Amino acid sequence: MNTASLEKVWAPRLLSVLRIVAALIFMAHGTQKLLGFPASSNPAPEAFTLSWIAGVLELFGGALLIPGLFVRPVAFVLSGLMAAAYWIAHAPRSFYPVLNGGDAAILYCFVFLYIAAAGGGAWSLDRLLNRRRTARGSSPQKRAES
């Protein structure tokens, strides 16, 4: 297998794998905050607090990213969420991410920013829906009508 084949065939598939795995792990943060699973010593946040809003975005944003629906806008919002989380919750503790516990927030921020730019990959509902729209738009009947 040559490099061109890797890039053309496997890069879009691995982008989907990255999206799915990141979303599954990210979603667990939302389930922990809002649903208490996995169990945590932190109580559930009160509705409409920053922590509650973060939990809602983590849970529902992750749930949309897993199948690859509305990938670009959702990933962009989640990237911003993680940037804000870093500066609000982690950066005040220490300048160094390894000391302030913000490593994951930084990684999520840039993974989601990349996904927002690159799209959902080969295995996403967005791609499937776009392919169907394109096929309908370029059918012989549609071309004859225009």
C-alpha atoms as a PDB file:
ATOM      1  CA  MET A   1       0.000   0.000   0.000  1.00  0.00           C
ATOM      2  CA  ASN A   2       1.465   3.359  -1.006  1.00  0.00           C
ATOM      3  CA  THR A   3       1.130   6.744   0.666  1.00  0.00           C
ATOM      4  CA  ALA A   4      -1.406   8.042  -1.858  1.00  0.00           C
ATOM      5  CA  SER A   5      -3.639   5.065  -1.157  1.00  0.00           C
ATOM      6  CA  LEU A   6      -3.340   5.641   2.584  1.00  0.00           C
ATOM      7  CA  GLU A   7      -4.316   9.268   2.155  1.00  0.00           C
ATOM      8  CA  LYS A   8      -7.214   8.641  -0.204  1.00  0.00           C
ATOM      9  CA  VAL A   9      -8.715   5.514   1.367  1.00  0.00           C
ATOM     10  CA  TRP A  10      -7.773   5.487   5.029  1.00  0.00           C
ATOM     11  CA  ALA A  11      -7.539   9.169   6.034  1.00  0.00           C
ATOM     12  CA  PRO A  12     -11.324   9.786   5.727  1.00  0.00           C
ATOM     13  CA  ARG A  13     -12.056   6.538   7.567  1.00  0.00           C
ATOM     14  CA  LEU A  14      -9.633   7.342  10.376  1.00  0.00           C
ATOM     15  CA  LEU A  15     -11.135  10.830  10.632  1.00  0.00           C
ATOM     16  CA  SER A  16     -14.461   9.100  11.301  1.00  0.00           C
ATOM     17  CA  VAL A  17     -12.829   6.849  13.900  1.00  0.00           C
ATOM     18  CA  LEU A  18     -11.289   9.909  15.608  1.00  0.00           C
ATOM     19  CA  ARG A  19     -14.686  11.661  15.591  1.00  0.00           C
ATOM     20  CA  ILE A  20     -16.516   8.654  17.039  1.00  0.00           C
ATOM     21  CA  VAL A  21     -13.979   7.844  19.754  1.00  0.00           C
ATOM     22  CA  ALA A  22     -13.576  11.485  20.810  1.00  0.00           C
ATOM     23  CA  ALA A  23     -17.373  11.907  20.920  1.00  0.00           C
ATOM     24  CA  LEU A  24     -17.896   8.754  23.002  1.00  0.00           C
ATOM     25  CA  ILE A  25     -15.314   9.771  25.590  1.00  0.00           C
ATOM     26  CA  PHE A  26     -16.512  13.383  25.557  1.00  0.00           C
ATOM     27  CA  MET A  27     -20.130  12.336  25.999  1.00  0.00           C
ATOM     28  CA  ALA A  28     -19.169  10.492  29.192  1.00  0.00           C
ATOM     29  CA  HIS A  29     -18.338  13.872  30.763  1.00  0.00           C
ATOM     30  CA  GLY A  30     -21.902  15.001  30.043  1.00  0.00           C
ATOM     31  CA  THR A  31     -23.481  11.808  31.385  1.00  0.00           C
ATOM     32  CA  GLN A  32     -21.404  12.129  34.548  1.00  0.00           C
ATOM     33  CA  LYS A  33     -22.450  15.745  35.105  1.00  0.00           C
ATOM     34  CA  LEU A  34     -26.135  15.368  34.265  1.00  0.00           C
ATOM     35  CA  LEU A  35     -26.993  11.717  34.887  1.00  0.00           C
ATOM     36  CA  GLY A  36     -24.491  10.754  37.587  1.00  0.00           C
ATOM     37  CA  PHE A  37     -22.959   7.999  35.446  1.00  0.00           C
ATOM     38  CA  PRO A  38     -20.216   7.051  35.894  1.00  0.00           C
ATOM     39  CA  ALA A  39     -20.588   7.891  39.559  1.00  0.00           C
ATOM     40  CA  SER A  40     -18.872  11.042  40.747  1.00  0.00           C
ATOM     41  CA  SER A  41     -18.317  12.718  44.078  1.00  0.00           C
ATOM     42  CA  ASN A  42     -19.547  15.982  42.528  1.00  0.00           C
ATOM     43  CA  PRO A  43     -23.280  16.655  42.866  1.00  0.00           C
ATOM     44  CA  ALA A  44     -25.310  17.304  39.720  1.00  0.00           C
ATOM     45  CA  PRO A  45     -25.134  20.979  38.742  1.00  0.00           C
ATOM     46  CA  GLU A  46     -28.171  23.202  39.100  1.00  0.00           C
ATOM     47  CA  ALA A  47     -30.039  23.880  35.877  1.00  0.00           C
ATOM     48  CA  PHE A  48     -28.744  26.689  33.682  1.00  0.00           C
ATOM     49  CA  THR A  49     -25.419  27.086  35.492  1.00  0.00           C
ATOM     50  CA  LEU A  50     -22.212  27.033  33.432  1.00  0.00           C
ATOM     51  CA  SER A  51     -21.530  23.459  34.514  1.00  0.00           C
ATOM     52  CA  TRP A  52     -25.049  22.360  33.549  1.00  0.00           C
ATOM     53  CA  ILE A  53     -24.798  24.051  30.135  1.00  0.00           C
ATOM     54  CA  ALA A  54     -21.422  22.364  29.610  1.00  0.00           C
ATOM     55  CA  GLY A  55     -22.964  19.002  30.523  1.00  0.00           C
ATOM     56  CA  VAL A  56     -25.832  19.505  28.073  1.00  0.00           C
ATOM     57  CA  LEU A  57     -23.412  20.434  25.280  1.00  0.00           C
ATOM     58  CA  GLU A  58     -21.155  17.483  26.126  1.00  0.00           C
ATOM     59  CA  LEU A  59     -24.029  15.014  26.190  1.00  0.00           C
ATOM     60  CA  PHE A  60     -26.000  16.177  23.151  1.00  0.00           C
ATOM     61  CA  GLY A  61     -22.999  17.392  21.149  1.00  0.00           C
ATOM     62  CA  GLY A  62     -21.295  14.030  21.646  1.00  0.00           C
ATOM     63  CA  ALA A  63     -24.523  12.249  20.714  1.00  0.00           C
ATOM     64  CA  LEU A  64     -24.680  14.183  17.425  1.00  0.00           C
ATOM     65  CA  LEU A  65     -21.014  13.603  16.623  1.00  0.00           C
ATOM     66  CA  ILE A  66     -21.140   9.824  17.092  1.00  0.00           C
ATOM     67  CA  PRO A  67     -23.312   9.201  14.003  1.00  0.00           C
ATOM     68  CA  GLY A  68     -21.855  12.270  12.291  1.00  0.00           C
ATOM     69  CA  LEU A  69     -24.858  14.583  12.151  1.00  0.00           C
ATOM     70  CA  PHE A  70     -24.290  18.368  11.851  1.00  0.00           C
ATOM     71  CA  VAL A  71     -20.595  17.625  12.408  1.00  0.00           C
ATOM     72  CA  ARG A  72     -19.030  20.952  11.444  1.00  0.00           C
ATOM     73  CA  PRO A  73     -21.215  23.314  13.510  1.00  0.00           C
ATOM     74  CA  VAL A  74     -21.402  20.935  16.487  1.00  0.00           C
ATOM     75  CA  ALA A  75     -17.636  20.366  16.537  1.00  0.00           C
ATOM     76  CA  PHE A  76     -17.054  24.125  16.267  1.00  0.00           C
ATOM     77  CA  VAL A  77     -19.323  24.822  19.247  1.00  0.00           C
ATOM     78  CA  LEU A  78     -17.676  22.038  21.279  1.00  0.00           C
ATOM     79  CA  SER A  79     -14.228  23.398  20.415  1.00  0.00           C
ATOM     80  CA  GLY A  80     -15.294  26.776  21.781  1.00  0.00           C
ATOM     81  CA  LEU A  81     -16.768  25.115  24.855  1.00  0.00           C
ATOM     82  CA  MET A  82     -13.441  23.451  25.587  1.00  0.00           C
ATOM     83  CA  ALA A  83     -11.498  26.670  25.034  1.00  0.00           C
ATOM     84  CA  ALA A  84     -13.797  28.459  27.475  1.00  0.00           C
ATOM     85  CA  ALA A  85     -13.587  25.556  29.947  1.00  0.00           C
ATOM     86  CA  TYR A  86      -9.810  25.730  29.856  1.00  0.00           C
ATOM     87  CA  TRP A  87      -9.613  29.473  30.480  1.00  0.00           C
ATOM     88  CA  ILE A  88     -12.400  29.531  33.089  1.00  0.00           C
ATOM     89  CA  ALA A  89     -11.689  26.359  35.078  1.00  0.00           C
ATOM     90  CA  HIS A  90      -8.097  25.318  34.441  1.00  0.00           C
ATOM     91  CA  ALA A  91      -5.853  28.261  33.549  1.00  0.00           C
ATOM     92  CA  PRO A  92      -6.450  30.130  36.840  1.00  0.00           C
ATOM     93  CA  ARG A  93      -5.000  27.149  38.751  1.00  0.00           C
ATOM     94  CA  SER A  94      -1.594  27.234  37.046  1.00  0.00           C
ATOM     95  CA  PHE A  95       0.089  28.371  33.842  1.00  0.00           C
ATOM     96  CA  TYR A  96       1.072  24.788  33.000  1.00  0.00           C
ATOM     97  CA  PRO A  97      -1.643  22.439  31.657  1.00  0.00           C
ATOM     98  CA  VAL A  98      -0.007  19.425  33.272  1.00  0.00           C
ATOM     99  CA  LEU A  99      -0.406  21.133  36.658  1.00  0.00           C
ATOM    100  CA  ASN A 100      -3.837  22.716  36.145  1.00  0.00           C
ATOM    101  CA  GLY A 101      -5.538  19.568  34.801  1.00  0.00           C
ATOM    102  CA  GLY A 102      -6.415  21.198  31.493  1.00  0.00           C
ATOM    103  CA  ASP A 103      -4.652  18.739  29.174  1.00  0.00           C
ATOM    104  CA  ALA A 104      -7.886  17.061  28.077  1.00  0.00           C
ATOM    105  CA  ALA A 105      -9.665  20.396  27.524  1.00  0.00           C
ATOM    106  CA  ILE A 106      -6.850  21.569  25.229  1.00  0.00           C
ATOM    107  CA  LEU A 107      -6.825  18.293  23.299  1.00  0.00           C
ATOM    108  CA  TYR A 108     -10.611  18.261  22.905  1.00  0.00           C
ATOM    109  CA  CYS A 109     -10.525  21.896  21.797  1.00  0.00           C
ATOM    110  CA  PHE A 110      -8.086  21.212  18.969  1.00  0.00           C
ATOM    111  CA  VAL A 111      -9.503  17.810  17.984  1.00  0.00           C
ATOM    112  CA  PHE A 112     -12.959  19.368  17.643  1.00  0.00           C
ATOM    113  CA  LEU A 113     -11.523  22.371  15.789  1.00  0.00           C
ATOM    114  CA  TYR A 114      -9.861  19.979  13.330  1.00  0.00           C
ATOM    115  CA  ILE A 115     -13.104  18.020  12.906  1.00  0.00           C
ATOM    116  CA  ALA A 116     -15.004  21.288  12.339  1.00  0.00           C
ATOM    117  CA  ALA A 117     -12.607  22.098   9.494  1.00  0.00           C
ATOM    118  CA  ALA A 118     -12.185  18.579   8.067  1.00  0.00           C
ATOM    119  CA  GLY A 119     -15.769  17.325   8.399  1.00  0.00           C
ATOM    120  CA  GLY A 120     -17.100  14.020   9.647  1.00  0.00           C
ATOM    121  CA  GLY A 121     -15.071  11.672   7.492  1.00  0.00           C
ATOM    122  CA  ALA A 122     -16.147   8.725   5.377  1.00  0.00           C
ATOM    123  CA  TRP A 123     -18.592   7.264   7.869  1.00  0.00           C
ATOM    124  CA  SER A 124     -20.939  10.102   8.787  1.00  0.00           C
ATOM    125  CA  LEU A 125     -24.621  10.802   8.322  1.00  0.00           C
ATOM    126  CA  ASP A 126     -23.715  14.245   6.961  1.00  0.00           C
ATOM    127  CA  ARG A 127     -21.795  12.626   4.123  1.00  0.00           C
ATOM    128  CA  LEU A 128     -24.589  10.155   3.411  1.00  0.00           C
ATOM    129  CA  LEU A 129     -27.235  12.897   3.377  1.00  0.00           C
ATOM    130  CA  ASN A 130     -25.077  15.147   1.209  1.00  0.00           C
ATOM    131  CA  ARG A 131     -24.489  12.305  -1.234  1.00  0.00           C
ATOM    132  CA  ARG A 132     -28.262  11.716  -1.495  1.00  0.00           C
ATOM    133  CA  ARG A 133     -28.948  15.436  -2.016  1.00  0.00           C
ATOM    134  CA  THR A 134     -26.266  15.622  -4.675  1.00  0.00           C
ATOM    135  CA  ALA A 135     -27.605  12.520  -6.428  1.00  0.00           C
ATOM    136  CA  ARG A 136     -31.127  13.985  -6.466  1.00  0.00           C
ATOM    137  CA  GLY A 137     -29.850  17.336  -7.701  1.00  0.00           C
ATOM    138  CA  SER A 138     -27.923  15.824 -10.598  1.00  0.00           C
ATOM    139  CA  SER A 139     -30.512  13.286 -11.765  1.00  0.00           C
ATOM    140  CA  PRO A 140     -31.354  13.289 -15.497  1.00  0.00           C
ATOM    141  CA  GLN A 141     -34.878  14.557 -14.709  1.00  0.00           C
ATOM    142  CA  LYS A 142     -33.507  17.543 -12.726  1.00  0.00           C
ATOM    143  CA  ARG A 143     -30.994  18.369 -15.484  1.00  0.00           C
ATOM    144  CA  ALA A 144     -33.798  18.256 -18.105  1.00  0.00           C
ATOM    145  CA  GLU A 145     -35.914  20.634 -16.016  1.00  0.00           C
ATOM    146  CA  SER A 146     -33.191  23.266 -15.800  1.00  0.00           C
END
